Protein backbone atom coordinates (compact mmCIF):
# COMPACT_ATOMS: atom_id res chain seq x y z
CA UNK A 1 96.18 127.95 88.37
CA UNK A 2 94.84 124.51 87.50
CA UNK A 3 93.33 123.66 84.15
CA UNK A 4 90.82 121.23 85.67
CA UNK A 5 89.19 121.65 89.09
CA UNK A 6 86.60 119.16 90.32
CA UNK A 7 85.03 119.00 93.78
CA UNK A 8 82.34 116.70 95.05
CA UNK A 9 80.72 116.24 98.45
CA UNK A 10 80.59 112.77 99.97
CA UNK A 11 79.06 111.05 102.97
CA UNK A 12 81.49 108.19 103.57
CA UNK A 13 84.64 107.82 105.57
CA UNK A 14 87.75 109.22 103.90
CA UNK A 15 89.32 105.74 104.09
CA UNK A 16 86.43 104.12 102.22
CA UNK A 17 86.40 106.83 99.58
CA UNK A 18 90.16 106.59 99.13
CA UNK A 19 89.83 102.84 98.52
CA UNK A 20 87.21 103.46 95.85
CA UNK A 21 89.26 106.19 94.19
CA UNK A 22 92.30 103.92 94.16
CA UNK A 23 90.30 101.49 92.04
CA UNK A 24 89.84 104.19 89.36
CA UNK A 25 93.59 104.48 88.95
CA UNK A 26 93.69 101.46 86.62
CA UNK A 27 91.42 103.16 84.08
CA UNK A 28 93.37 106.41 84.29
CA UNK A 29 96.65 104.57 83.84
CA UNK A 30 95.39 102.51 80.89
CA UNK A 31 93.63 105.37 79.13
CA UNK A 32 95.91 108.32 79.90
CA UNK A 33 99.10 106.94 81.41
CA UNK A 34 98.31 108.67 84.71
CA UNK A 35 99.32 107.35 88.12
CA UNK A 36 98.06 108.25 91.57
CA UNK A 37 100.74 108.22 94.28
CA UNK A 38 98.98 108.27 97.64
CA UNK A 39 100.38 109.97 100.74
CA UNK A 40 97.74 109.79 103.40
CA UNK A 41 94.51 111.37 102.12
CA UNK A 42 96.27 113.10 99.23
CA UNK A 43 97.38 111.59 95.93
CA UNK A 44 99.86 113.18 93.59
CA UNK A 45 98.70 112.78 90.00
CA UNK A 46 101.56 112.12 87.60
CA UNK A 47 101.53 111.43 83.90
CA UNK A 48 102.87 112.65 80.59
CA UNK A 49 101.60 116.20 80.29
CA UNK A 50 99.44 115.95 83.44
CA UNK A 51 100.19 116.72 87.07
CA UNK A 52 98.09 117.58 90.07
CA UNK A 53 96.51 116.31 93.26
CA UNK A 54 93.48 114.41 94.49
CA UNK A 55 92.50 115.28 98.06
CA UNK A 56 90.06 113.35 100.21
CA UNK A 57 88.55 115.31 103.08
CA UNK A 58 85.93 114.50 105.69
CA UNK A 59 83.09 115.78 103.48
CA UNK A 60 84.64 116.59 100.08
CA UNK A 61 86.90 115.12 97.45
CA UNK A 62 88.80 117.42 95.15
CA UNK A 63 90.84 117.07 91.98
CA UNK A 64 93.17 119.76 90.70
CA UNK A 65 95.02 119.07 87.45
CA UNK A 66 97.53 121.08 85.46
CA UNK A 67 97.69 120.08 81.80
CA UNK A 68 100.71 120.41 79.56
CA UNK A 69 100.46 122.17 76.24
CA UNK A 70 100.11 118.97 74.18
CA UNK A 71 97.38 117.58 76.44
CA UNK A 72 95.22 120.71 76.69
CA UNK A 73 93.19 119.88 73.55
CA UNK A 74 91.93 116.82 75.47
CA UNK A 75 90.96 118.78 78.60
CA UNK A 76 87.21 118.26 78.19
CA UNK A 77 87.63 114.50 77.73
CA UNK A 78 89.99 114.26 80.70
CA UNK A 79 87.54 116.27 82.85
CA UNK A 80 84.64 114.08 81.72
CA UNK A 81 86.55 110.89 82.54
CA UNK A 82 87.62 112.15 85.97
CA UNK A 83 84.10 113.30 86.83
CA UNK A 84 82.63 109.94 85.79
CA UNK A 85 85.17 108.00 87.83
CA UNK A 86 84.63 110.14 90.92
CA UNK A 87 80.85 110.04 90.55
CA UNK A 88 80.97 106.23 90.21
CA UNK A 89 83.10 105.95 93.32
CA UNK A 90 80.63 108.12 95.24
CA UNK A 91 77.58 106.26 93.89
CA UNK A 92 78.70 102.89 95.26
CA UNK A 93 77.48 103.79 98.76
């Protein structure tokens, strides 16, 4: 079971959304040491104490993160940051 689950609907092509989400990786890497490794429309999320996936579908984008014990106290801040980044990517339509 994931510690953080986020899902949003979108109305753009998966390719366009993926490009926008890729731009958020810099903030995640700088702030949390998290990388996104893309394989098609799915990105593996890797970082110290954080793992998971970002999936881009035809109508939805989803984030599922598993947090390590030392990172769990920051779960609300990590969720907030991910939601803001995804919402910004979706708002640029």
